[in-house]
N, C-alpha and C. Protein backbone atom coordinates (compact mmCIF):
# COMPACT_ATOMS: atom_id res chain seq x y z
N MET A 1 0.85 -1.18 0.00
CA MET A 1 0.00 0.00 0.00
C MET A 1 0.89 1.24 0.00
N ASN A 2 0.52 2.20 -0.76
CA ASN A 2 1.26 3.44 -0.89
C ASN A 2 1.12 4.27 0.39
N ASN A 3 2.28 4.67 0.97
CA ASN A 3 2.26 5.45 2.20
C ASN A 3 1.56 6.79 2.02
N LYS A 4 1.71 7.39 0.84
CA LYS A 4 1.08 8.68 0.56
C LYS A 4 -0.45 8.55 0.61
N VAL A 5 -0.98 7.45 0.09
CA VAL A 5 -2.42 7.23 0.13
C VAL A 5 -2.90 7.12 1.58
N GLU A 6 -2.19 6.36 2.38
CA GLU A 6 -2.56 6.22 3.79
C GLU A 6 -2.48 7.56 4.52
N GLU A 7 -1.48 8.35 4.18
CA GLU A 7 -1.34 9.68 4.79
C GLU A 7 -2.54 10.56 4.43
N ILE A 8 -2.95 10.52 3.18
CA ILE A 8 -4.12 11.30 2.75
C ILE A 8 -5.36 10.87 3.52
N ILE A 9 -5.60 9.56 3.56
CA ILE A 9 -6.78 9.03 4.25
C ILE A 9 -6.75 9.42 5.73
N ASP A 10 -5.61 9.22 6.38
CA ASP A 10 -5.50 9.54 7.80
C ASP A 10 -5.75 11.02 8.07
N ASN A 11 -5.22 11.89 7.22
CA ASN A 11 -5.43 13.33 7.40
C ASN A 11 -6.88 13.73 7.14
N LEU A 12 -7.50 13.14 6.14
CA LEU A 12 -8.90 13.44 5.88
C LEU A 12 -9.77 13.09 7.08
N ILE A 13 -9.44 11.99 7.73
CA ILE A 13 -10.20 11.56 8.90
C ILE A 13 -9.82 12.39 10.13
N LYS A 14 -8.54 12.58 10.32
CA LYS A 14 -8.04 13.31 11.49
C LYS A 14 -8.62 14.71 11.59
N PHE A 15 -8.75 15.38 10.46
CA PHE A 15 -9.20 16.77 10.48
C PHE A 15 -10.70 16.92 10.20
N SER A 16 -11.44 15.82 10.25
CA SER A 16 -12.90 15.89 10.16
C SER A 16 -13.41 16.24 11.54
N LYS A 17 -14.07 17.37 11.65
CA LYS A 17 -14.51 17.84 12.96
C LYS A 17 -15.65 16.98 13.52
N THR A 18 -16.77 16.97 12.86
CA THR A 18 -17.89 16.15 13.34
C THR A 18 -18.28 15.13 12.28
N LYS A 19 -18.68 15.61 11.13
CA LYS A 19 -19.08 14.70 10.05
C LYS A 19 -17.86 14.27 9.25
N LEU A 20 -17.90 13.06 8.76
CA LEU A 20 -16.81 12.50 7.96
C LEU A 20 -17.05 12.79 6.47
N ILE A 21 -17.15 14.07 6.13
CA ILE A 21 -17.47 14.48 4.77
C ILE A 21 -16.32 14.22 3.81
N ASN A 22 -15.13 14.73 4.14
CA ASN A 22 -14.00 14.60 3.21
C ASN A 22 -13.58 13.15 2.97
N PRO A 23 -13.50 12.31 4.00
CA PRO A 23 -13.15 10.91 3.73
C PRO A 23 -14.18 10.21 2.83
N VAL A 24 -15.45 10.54 3.03
CA VAL A 24 -16.50 9.94 2.20
C VAL A 24 -16.41 10.48 0.76
N ALA A 25 -16.05 11.75 0.61
CA ALA A 25 -15.88 12.33 -0.74
C ALA A 25 -14.69 11.67 -1.45
N PHE A 26 -13.63 11.39 -0.72
CA PHE A 26 -12.47 10.71 -1.29
C PHE A 26 -12.86 9.30 -1.71
N LEU A 27 -13.63 8.63 -0.88
CA LEU A 27 -14.13 7.29 -1.21
C LEU A 27 -15.01 7.35 -2.46
N ALA A 28 -15.82 8.38 -2.57
CA ALA A 28 -16.67 8.56 -3.76
C ALA A 28 -15.80 8.71 -5.02
N ALA A 29 -14.73 9.47 -4.92
CA ALA A 29 -13.83 9.65 -6.06
C ALA A 29 -13.16 8.33 -6.44
N LEU A 30 -12.79 7.53 -5.44
CA LEU A 30 -12.22 6.21 -5.72
C LEU A 30 -13.25 5.33 -6.42
N ASN A 31 -14.50 5.43 -5.99
CA ASN A 31 -15.58 4.66 -6.64
C ASN A 31 -15.73 5.07 -8.10
N LEU A 32 -15.63 6.38 -8.36
CA LEU A 32 -15.70 6.85 -9.75
C LEU A 32 -14.55 6.27 -10.57
N LEU A 33 -13.36 6.25 -9.99
CA LEU A 33 -12.20 5.70 -10.69
C LEU A 33 -12.41 4.21 -10.98
N LEU A 34 -12.95 3.48 -10.02
CA LEU A 34 -13.22 2.05 -10.24
C LEU A 34 -14.25 1.83 -11.35
N LYS A 35 -15.10 2.83 -11.56
CA LYS A 35 -16.09 2.76 -12.65
C LYS A 35 -15.51 3.24 -13.98
N GLY A 36 -14.21 3.56 -13.97
CA GLY A 36 -13.55 3.96 -15.21
C GLY A 36 -13.45 5.45 -15.44
N LYS A 37 -13.88 6.27 -14.48
CA LYS A 37 -13.84 7.73 -14.62
C LYS A 37 -12.55 8.26 -14.00
N LYS A 38 -11.54 8.51 -14.84
CA LYS A 38 -10.29 9.08 -14.33
C LYS A 38 -10.42 10.58 -14.08
N ILE A 39 -11.21 11.23 -14.90
CA ILE A 39 -11.50 12.65 -14.74
C ILE A 39 -13.00 12.79 -14.57
N PHE A 40 -13.40 13.58 -13.59
CA PHE A 40 -14.83 13.74 -13.31
C PHE A 40 -15.13 15.21 -13.01
N THR A 41 -16.39 15.55 -13.11
CA THR A 41 -16.82 16.92 -12.81
C THR A 41 -17.21 17.03 -11.34
N ARG A 42 -17.34 18.25 -10.90
CA ARG A 42 -17.79 18.49 -9.53
C ARG A 42 -19.19 17.90 -9.32
N HIS A 43 -20.02 18.03 -10.33
CA HIS A 43 -21.37 17.48 -10.24
C HIS A 43 -21.33 15.95 -10.13
N GLU A 44 -20.50 15.31 -10.94
CA GLU A 44 -20.38 13.85 -10.87
C GLU A 44 -19.88 13.41 -9.49
N LEU A 45 -18.94 14.16 -8.93
CA LEU A 45 -18.43 13.84 -7.60
C LEU A 45 -19.55 14.02 -6.56
N ASP A 46 -20.32 15.07 -6.69
CA ASP A 46 -21.43 15.33 -5.76
C ASP A 46 -22.45 14.19 -5.81
N VAL A 47 -22.81 13.75 -7.01
CA VAL A 47 -23.77 12.65 -7.17
C VAL A 47 -23.22 11.37 -6.55
N GLU A 48 -21.96 11.07 -6.84
CA GLU A 48 -21.33 9.86 -6.30
C GLU A 48 -21.16 9.97 -4.78
N TYR A 49 -20.90 11.16 -4.29
CA TYR A 49 -20.79 11.38 -2.85
C TYR A 49 -22.10 10.97 -2.16
N LYS A 50 -23.22 11.42 -2.70
CA LYS A 50 -24.52 11.09 -2.09
C LYS A 50 -24.77 9.59 -2.09
N LYS A 51 -24.39 8.91 -3.16
CA LYS A 51 -24.54 7.45 -3.22
C LYS A 51 -23.64 6.78 -2.18
N THR A 52 -22.43 7.30 -2.04
CA THR A 52 -21.46 6.73 -1.11
C THR A 52 -21.91 6.94 0.34
N VAL A 53 -22.50 8.09 0.62
CA VAL A 53 -23.05 8.34 1.96
C VAL A 53 -24.10 7.28 2.29
N GLU A 54 -25.00 7.03 1.36
CA GLU A 54 -26.05 6.03 1.60
C GLU A 54 -25.44 4.64 1.81
N LYS A 55 -24.43 4.32 1.02
CA LYS A 55 -23.76 3.02 1.17
C LYS A 55 -23.10 2.92 2.55
N MET A 56 -22.43 3.99 2.98
CA MET A 56 -21.76 3.96 4.28
C MET A 56 -22.76 3.89 5.43
N LYS A 57 -23.91 4.51 5.28
CA LYS A 57 -24.94 4.41 6.31
C LYS A 57 -25.41 2.97 6.45
N LYS A 58 -25.52 2.27 5.32
CA LYS A 58 -25.92 0.86 5.37
C LYS A 58 -24.83 0.01 6.00
N ILE A 59 -23.59 0.27 5.63
CA ILE A 59 -22.47 -0.50 6.17
C ILE A 59 -22.35 -0.30 7.68
N THR A 60 -22.44 0.96 8.13
CA THR A 60 -22.25 1.26 9.55
C THR A 60 -23.53 1.10 10.36
N LYS A 61 -24.65 0.98 9.67
CA LYS A 61 -25.96 0.87 10.33
C LYS A 61 -26.24 2.09 11.22
N SER A 62 -25.72 3.23 10.78
CA SER A 62 -25.92 4.46 11.54
C SER A 62 -25.78 5.66 10.61
N GLU A 63 -26.55 6.70 10.90
CA GLU A 63 -26.45 7.94 10.14
C GLU A 63 -25.54 8.94 10.83
N LEU A 64 -25.19 8.69 12.08
CA LEU A 64 -24.42 9.64 12.85
C LEU A 64 -23.00 9.76 12.32
N ASN A 65 -22.57 10.99 12.08
CA ASN A 65 -21.23 11.34 11.62
C ASN A 65 -20.93 10.96 10.18
N ILE A 66 -21.85 10.32 9.50
CA ILE A 66 -21.60 9.93 8.11
C ILE A 66 -22.28 10.94 7.21
N GLY A 67 -21.51 11.52 6.34
CA GLY A 67 -22.07 12.45 5.37
C GLY A 67 -22.23 13.84 5.92
N GLY A 68 -23.11 14.55 5.32
CA GLY A 68 -23.28 15.97 5.58
C GLY A 68 -23.32 16.65 4.24
N ARG A 69 -23.60 17.92 4.23
CA ARG A 69 -23.70 18.63 2.96
C ARG A 69 -22.31 18.79 2.35
N PHE A 70 -22.15 18.22 1.19
CA PHE A 70 -20.89 18.30 0.45
C PHE A 70 -20.98 19.48 -0.52
N HIS A 71 -20.10 20.45 -0.34
CA HIS A 71 -20.08 21.63 -1.19
C HIS A 71 -19.11 21.38 -2.34
N ALA A 72 -19.65 20.89 -3.44
CA ALA A 72 -18.82 20.49 -4.58
C ALA A 72 -18.07 21.67 -5.21
N ASP A 73 -18.54 22.88 -4.93
CA ASP A 73 -17.87 24.05 -5.49
C ASP A 73 -16.63 24.46 -4.69
N THR A 74 -16.50 23.99 -3.43
CA THR A 74 -15.34 24.39 -2.61
C THR A 74 -14.56 23.23 -2.00
N TYR A 75 -15.24 22.18 -1.57
CA TYR A 75 -14.56 21.09 -0.86
C TYR A 75 -13.44 20.44 -1.69
N PRO A 76 -13.65 20.14 -2.95
CA PRO A 76 -12.56 19.52 -3.72
C PRO A 76 -11.30 20.40 -3.77
N ASP A 77 -11.48 21.72 -3.83
CA ASP A 77 -10.32 22.62 -3.87
C ASP A 77 -9.53 22.53 -2.56
N ARG A 78 -10.25 22.53 -1.44
CA ARG A 78 -9.58 22.41 -0.14
C ARG A 78 -8.92 21.04 0.00
N MET A 79 -9.62 20.01 -0.48
CA MET A 79 -9.04 18.66 -0.40
C MET A 79 -7.81 18.54 -1.28
N ALA A 80 -7.75 19.33 -2.35
CA ALA A 80 -6.57 19.32 -3.23
C ALA A 80 -5.42 20.08 -2.58
N SER A 81 -5.68 21.26 -2.08
CA SER A 81 -4.60 22.09 -1.54
C SER A 81 -4.13 21.66 -0.16
N LYS A 82 -5.06 21.28 0.69
CA LYS A 82 -4.71 20.96 2.07
C LYS A 82 -4.27 19.51 2.26
N TYR A 83 -4.91 18.58 1.53
CA TYR A 83 -4.66 17.15 1.76
C TYR A 83 -4.04 16.43 0.56
N GLU A 84 -3.95 17.11 -0.57
CA GLU A 84 -3.43 16.52 -1.81
C GLU A 84 -4.24 15.30 -2.24
N ALA A 85 -5.54 15.32 -1.93
CA ALA A 85 -6.42 14.20 -2.25
C ALA A 85 -6.93 14.28 -3.69
N PHE A 86 -6.96 15.47 -4.25
CA PHE A 86 -7.43 15.69 -5.62
C PHE A 86 -6.47 16.59 -6.37
N GLU A 87 -6.62 16.58 -7.67
CA GLU A 87 -5.97 17.56 -8.53
C GLU A 87 -7.10 18.30 -9.26
N ILE A 88 -7.06 19.61 -9.18
CA ILE A 88 -8.06 20.43 -9.85
C ILE A 88 -7.52 20.76 -11.23
N LEU A 89 -8.24 20.32 -12.25
CA LEU A 89 -7.77 20.47 -13.62
C LEU A 89 -8.30 21.74 -14.28
N GLY A 90 -9.20 22.39 -13.64
CA GLY A 90 -9.78 23.61 -14.18
C GLY A 90 -11.04 23.33 -14.96
N GLY A 91 -11.84 24.37 -15.09
CA GLY A 91 -13.07 24.25 -15.86
C GLY A 91 -14.03 23.20 -15.32
N ASP A 92 -14.05 22.95 -14.04
CA ASP A 92 -14.98 22.00 -13.43
C ASP A 92 -14.47 20.56 -13.44
N LYS A 93 -13.27 20.31 -13.89
CA LYS A 93 -12.73 18.95 -13.96
C LYS A 93 -11.80 18.68 -12.78
N ILE A 94 -11.92 17.47 -12.25
CA ILE A 94 -11.15 17.03 -11.08
C ILE A 94 -10.65 15.62 -11.36
N CYS A 95 -9.52 15.28 -10.75
CA CYS A 95 -9.07 13.88 -10.77
C CYS A 95 -8.33 13.58 -9.48
N LEU A 96 -8.12 12.33 -9.26
CA LEU A 96 -7.30 11.88 -8.14
C LEU A 96 -5.84 12.09 -8.53
N PRO A 97 -4.92 12.12 -7.58
CA PRO A 97 -3.50 12.28 -7.90
C PRO A 97 -3.00 11.16 -8.82
N ASN A 98 -1.99 11.48 -9.62
CA ASN A 98 -1.45 10.52 -10.59
C ASN A 98 -1.02 9.20 -9.96
N PHE A 99 -0.43 9.25 -8.77
CA PHE A 99 0.04 8.00 -8.15
C PHE A 99 -1.13 7.07 -7.80
N ILE A 100 -2.33 7.61 -7.70
CA ILE A 100 -3.51 6.77 -7.50
C ILE A 100 -4.06 6.31 -8.84
N LEU A 101 -4.09 7.22 -9.81
CA LEU A 101 -4.59 6.88 -11.14
C LEU A 101 -3.81 5.75 -11.79
N GLU A 102 -2.55 5.62 -11.44
CA GLU A 102 -1.67 4.60 -12.04
C GLU A 102 -1.81 3.23 -11.40
N LEU A 103 -2.56 3.12 -10.32
CA LEU A 103 -2.69 1.84 -9.62
C LEU A 103 -3.58 0.88 -10.39
N LYS A 104 -3.31 -0.40 -10.20
CA LYS A 104 -4.14 -1.44 -10.80
C LYS A 104 -5.45 -1.55 -10.01
N LYS A 105 -6.46 -2.11 -10.66
CA LYS A 105 -7.79 -2.21 -10.06
C LYS A 105 -7.76 -2.95 -8.72
N ALA A 106 -6.98 -4.00 -8.61
CA ALA A 106 -6.91 -4.77 -7.36
C ALA A 106 -6.38 -3.89 -6.23
N GLU A 107 -5.39 -3.08 -6.53
CA GLU A 107 -4.83 -2.17 -5.52
C GLU A 107 -5.84 -1.09 -5.14
N LEU A 108 -6.59 -0.60 -6.11
CA LEU A 108 -7.63 0.39 -5.84
C LEU A 108 -8.70 -0.18 -4.91
N LYS A 109 -9.07 -1.43 -5.14
CA LYS A 109 -10.07 -2.07 -4.29
C LYS A 109 -9.56 -2.19 -2.86
N LYS A 110 -8.27 -2.46 -2.69
CA LYS A 110 -7.67 -2.51 -1.35
C LYS A 110 -7.75 -1.14 -0.68
N ILE A 111 -7.51 -0.10 -1.46
CA ILE A 111 -7.59 1.26 -0.91
C ILE A 111 -9.02 1.58 -0.52
N VAL A 112 -9.98 1.21 -1.35
CA VAL A 112 -11.40 1.43 -1.02
C VAL A 112 -11.73 0.72 0.28
N ASP A 113 -11.31 -0.53 0.42
CA ASP A 113 -11.57 -1.28 1.65
C ASP A 113 -10.92 -0.60 2.86
N LEU A 114 -9.71 -0.07 2.66
CA LEU A 114 -9.00 0.62 3.74
C LEU A 114 -9.75 1.89 4.15
N VAL A 115 -10.21 2.66 3.18
CA VAL A 115 -10.96 3.89 3.49
C VAL A 115 -12.23 3.54 4.26
N ILE A 116 -12.95 2.54 3.79
CA ILE A 116 -14.19 2.12 4.48
C ILE A 116 -13.86 1.71 5.92
N SER A 117 -12.83 0.91 6.09
CA SER A 117 -12.44 0.45 7.41
C SER A 117 -12.08 1.63 8.32
N LYS A 118 -11.34 2.58 7.79
CA LYS A 118 -10.92 3.73 8.61
C LYS A 118 -12.11 4.64 8.93
N ILE A 119 -13.05 4.76 8.01
CA ILE A 119 -14.27 5.53 8.29
C ILE A 119 -15.06 4.87 9.41
N ILE A 120 -15.20 3.55 9.34
CA ILE A 120 -15.91 2.81 10.38
C ILE A 120 -15.23 2.99 11.73
N ASP A 121 -13.92 2.86 11.76
CA ASP A 121 -13.18 3.03 13.01
C ASP A 121 -13.33 4.45 13.56
N ALA A 122 -13.24 5.44 12.68
CA ALA A 122 -13.38 6.83 13.12
C ALA A 122 -14.77 7.09 13.67
N GLN A 123 -15.77 6.51 13.01
CA GLN A 123 -17.15 6.69 13.49
C GLN A 123 -17.31 6.07 14.88
N LYS A 124 -16.76 4.89 15.08
CA LYS A 124 -16.87 4.22 16.38
C LYS A 124 -16.23 5.07 17.48
N ILE A 125 -15.07 5.63 17.17
CA ILE A 125 -14.38 6.47 18.16
C ILE A 125 -15.20 7.71 18.46
N LYS A 126 -15.73 8.35 17.43
CA LYS A 126 -16.52 9.56 17.63
C LYS A 126 -17.82 9.27 18.38
N LEU A 127 -18.40 8.12 18.13
CA LEU A 127 -19.68 7.80 18.75
C LEU A 127 -19.54 7.30 20.17
N GLY A 128 -18.40 6.71 20.49
CA GLY A 128 -18.22 6.18 21.84
C GLY A 128 -19.32 5.20 22.17
N ASN A 129 -19.98 5.43 23.27
CA ASN A 129 -21.05 4.54 23.73
C ASN A 129 -22.43 5.01 23.31
N ILE A 130 -22.49 5.99 22.41
CA ILE A 130 -23.76 6.56 22.00
C ILE A 130 -24.69 5.50 21.38
N LEU A 131 -24.11 4.51 20.72
CA LEU A 131 -24.96 3.48 20.12
C LEU A 131 -25.73 2.68 21.16
N LEU A 132 -25.32 2.82 22.43
CA LEU A 132 -26.07 2.16 23.50
C LEU A 132 -27.42 2.84 23.73
N ILE A 133 -27.59 4.07 23.20
CA ILE A 133 -28.86 4.78 23.37
C ILE A 133 -29.40 5.29 22.04
N ASP A 134 -29.10 4.61 20.95
CA ASP A 134 -29.51 5.11 19.63
C ASP A 134 -30.94 4.76 19.25
N THR A 135 -31.62 3.97 20.05
CA THR A 135 -33.05 3.70 19.79
C THR A 135 -33.83 3.99 21.08
N GLU A 136 -35.10 4.22 20.90
CA GLU A 136 -35.95 4.52 22.06
C GLU A 136 -35.94 3.37 23.06
N GLU A 137 -35.97 2.16 22.55
CA GLU A 137 -35.95 0.98 23.41
C GLU A 137 -34.67 0.93 24.25
N LYS A 138 -33.54 1.19 23.62
CA LYS A 138 -32.26 1.18 24.34
C LYS A 138 -32.20 2.30 25.38
N ARG A 139 -32.71 3.48 25.00
CA ARG A 139 -32.70 4.61 25.94
C ARG A 139 -33.57 4.30 27.17
N LEU A 140 -34.74 3.73 26.92
CA LEU A 140 -35.63 3.40 28.03
C LEU A 140 -35.01 2.34 28.93
N ASN A 141 -34.34 1.38 28.33
CA ASN A 141 -33.71 0.30 29.10
C ASN A 141 -32.61 0.84 30.00
N ILE A 142 -31.75 1.69 29.46
CA ILE A 142 -30.64 2.23 30.26
C ILE A 142 -31.15 3.25 31.27
N ALA A 143 -32.29 3.89 30.98
CA ALA A 143 -32.83 4.91 31.88
C ALA A 143 -33.61 4.31 33.05
N LYS A 144 -33.79 2.99 33.07
CA LYS A 144 -34.52 2.35 34.18
C LYS A 144 -33.86 2.66 35.52
N ASN A 145 -32.55 2.72 35.52
CA ASN A 145 -31.81 3.07 36.73
C ASN A 145 -31.29 4.49 36.54
N GLN A 146 -31.89 5.43 37.24
CA GLN A 146 -31.57 6.84 37.04
C GLN A 146 -30.10 7.15 37.30
N ASP A 147 -29.52 6.60 38.35
CA ASP A 147 -28.12 6.87 38.67
C ASP A 147 -27.19 6.39 37.56
N ASN A 148 -27.46 5.19 37.04
CA ASN A 148 -26.63 4.67 35.95
C ASN A 148 -26.77 5.53 34.69
N PHE A 149 -27.99 5.99 34.42
CA PHE A 149 -28.23 6.80 33.24
C PHE A 149 -27.52 8.15 33.35
N VAL A 150 -27.63 8.78 34.51
CA VAL A 150 -26.96 10.07 34.72
C VAL A 150 -25.45 9.89 34.64
N ASP A 151 -24.93 8.83 35.21
CA ASP A 151 -23.50 8.55 35.14
C ASP A 151 -23.06 8.34 33.68
N PHE A 152 -23.86 7.59 32.94
CA PHE A 152 -23.58 7.36 31.52
C PHE A 152 -23.51 8.70 30.77
N LEU A 153 -24.49 9.55 31.00
CA LEU A 153 -24.54 10.84 30.32
C LEU A 153 -23.35 11.72 30.70
N LYS A 154 -23.00 11.76 31.96
CA LYS A 154 -21.86 12.57 32.40
C LYS A 154 -20.58 12.14 31.69
N LYS A 155 -20.35 10.84 31.63
CA LYS A 155 -19.13 10.34 30.99
C LYS A 155 -19.11 10.68 29.50
N GLU A 156 -20.23 10.49 28.83
CA GLU A 156 -20.28 10.77 27.39
C GLU A 156 -20.17 12.26 27.09
N LEU A 157 -20.81 13.07 27.91
CA LEU A 157 -20.78 14.51 27.67
C LEU A 157 -19.41 15.11 27.96
N GLN A 158 -18.66 14.50 28.85
CA GLN A 158 -17.31 14.99 29.15
C GLN A 158 -16.28 14.54 28.12
N ARG A 159 -16.59 13.49 27.39
CA ARG A 159 -15.63 12.92 26.44
C ARG A 159 -15.24 13.91 25.36
N SER A 160 -16.21 14.63 24.81
CA SER A 160 -15.90 15.62 23.77
C SER A 160 -17.14 16.44 23.45
N ALA A 161 -16.91 17.57 22.79
CA ALA A 161 -18.04 18.39 22.34
C ALA A 161 -18.89 17.61 21.35
N ASN A 162 -18.23 16.81 20.54
CA ASN A 162 -18.94 15.97 19.57
C ASN A 162 -19.87 15.01 20.30
N SER A 163 -19.40 14.42 21.38
CA SER A 163 -20.24 13.51 22.16
C SER A 163 -21.43 14.25 22.75
N PHE A 164 -21.22 15.49 23.18
CA PHE A 164 -22.33 16.28 23.71
C PHE A 164 -23.44 16.40 22.68
N GLU A 165 -23.06 16.81 21.47
CA GLU A 165 -24.05 17.00 20.40
C GLU A 165 -24.77 15.69 20.07
N ILE A 166 -24.00 14.63 19.91
CA ILE A 166 -24.59 13.35 19.53
C ILE A 166 -25.44 12.78 20.65
N THR A 167 -24.98 12.91 21.90
CA THR A 167 -25.75 12.39 23.03
C THR A 167 -27.09 13.11 23.12
N CYS A 168 -27.04 14.42 23.01
CA CYS A 168 -28.30 15.19 23.06
C CYS A 168 -29.22 14.77 21.92
N PHE A 169 -28.68 14.59 20.74
CA PHE A 169 -29.47 14.17 19.59
C PHE A 169 -30.08 12.79 19.84
N ALA A 170 -29.28 11.87 20.38
CA ALA A 170 -29.76 10.51 20.61
C ALA A 170 -30.88 10.50 21.65
N ILE A 171 -30.79 11.36 22.64
CA ILE A 171 -31.81 11.40 23.68
C ILE A 171 -33.09 12.05 23.17
N LEU A 172 -32.94 13.13 22.44
CA LEU A 172 -34.10 13.89 21.98
C LEU A 172 -34.76 13.29 20.75
N ARG A 173 -34.06 12.43 20.07
CA ARG A 173 -34.59 11.82 18.84
C ARG A 173 -35.83 10.99 19.16
N PRO A 174 -36.91 11.21 18.40
CA PRO A 174 -38.15 10.46 18.68
C PRO A 174 -38.03 8.99 18.30
């Protein structure tokens, strides 16, 4: 596996604040390449991004932290300049870096699997124990003992600002 590819993936994930938008967009671009599209438009990337978000939601069985509004007019430029994940060709055309374009299909599939795996791992870390209360049934079950529930909430809310947002969402979600 190319170290530069792993560095790109790790940075895309590392610098994702709440939603994993950039890693999913990179995965979408890899999917386009696997479909034979070496050069794609911002619109094509946006369409593939939405499909990839839905696929990742099915894989992770959760909507939390996956996706978000992808701004095809600006995100690819930032991903090119800050992370070297894309090359902007001008006039609405984008491609992945040459060292990725030159890889064989089998190697690309390994990279896709790696990105998916790293997205799953990042989501698990960001979510912490939130999946213990992601359904009404689970919330009611854990809330049976008030002290345990309050202790659970304190620990999750202290873990990070991201946990605060997600915990509140999980509790308030109908």
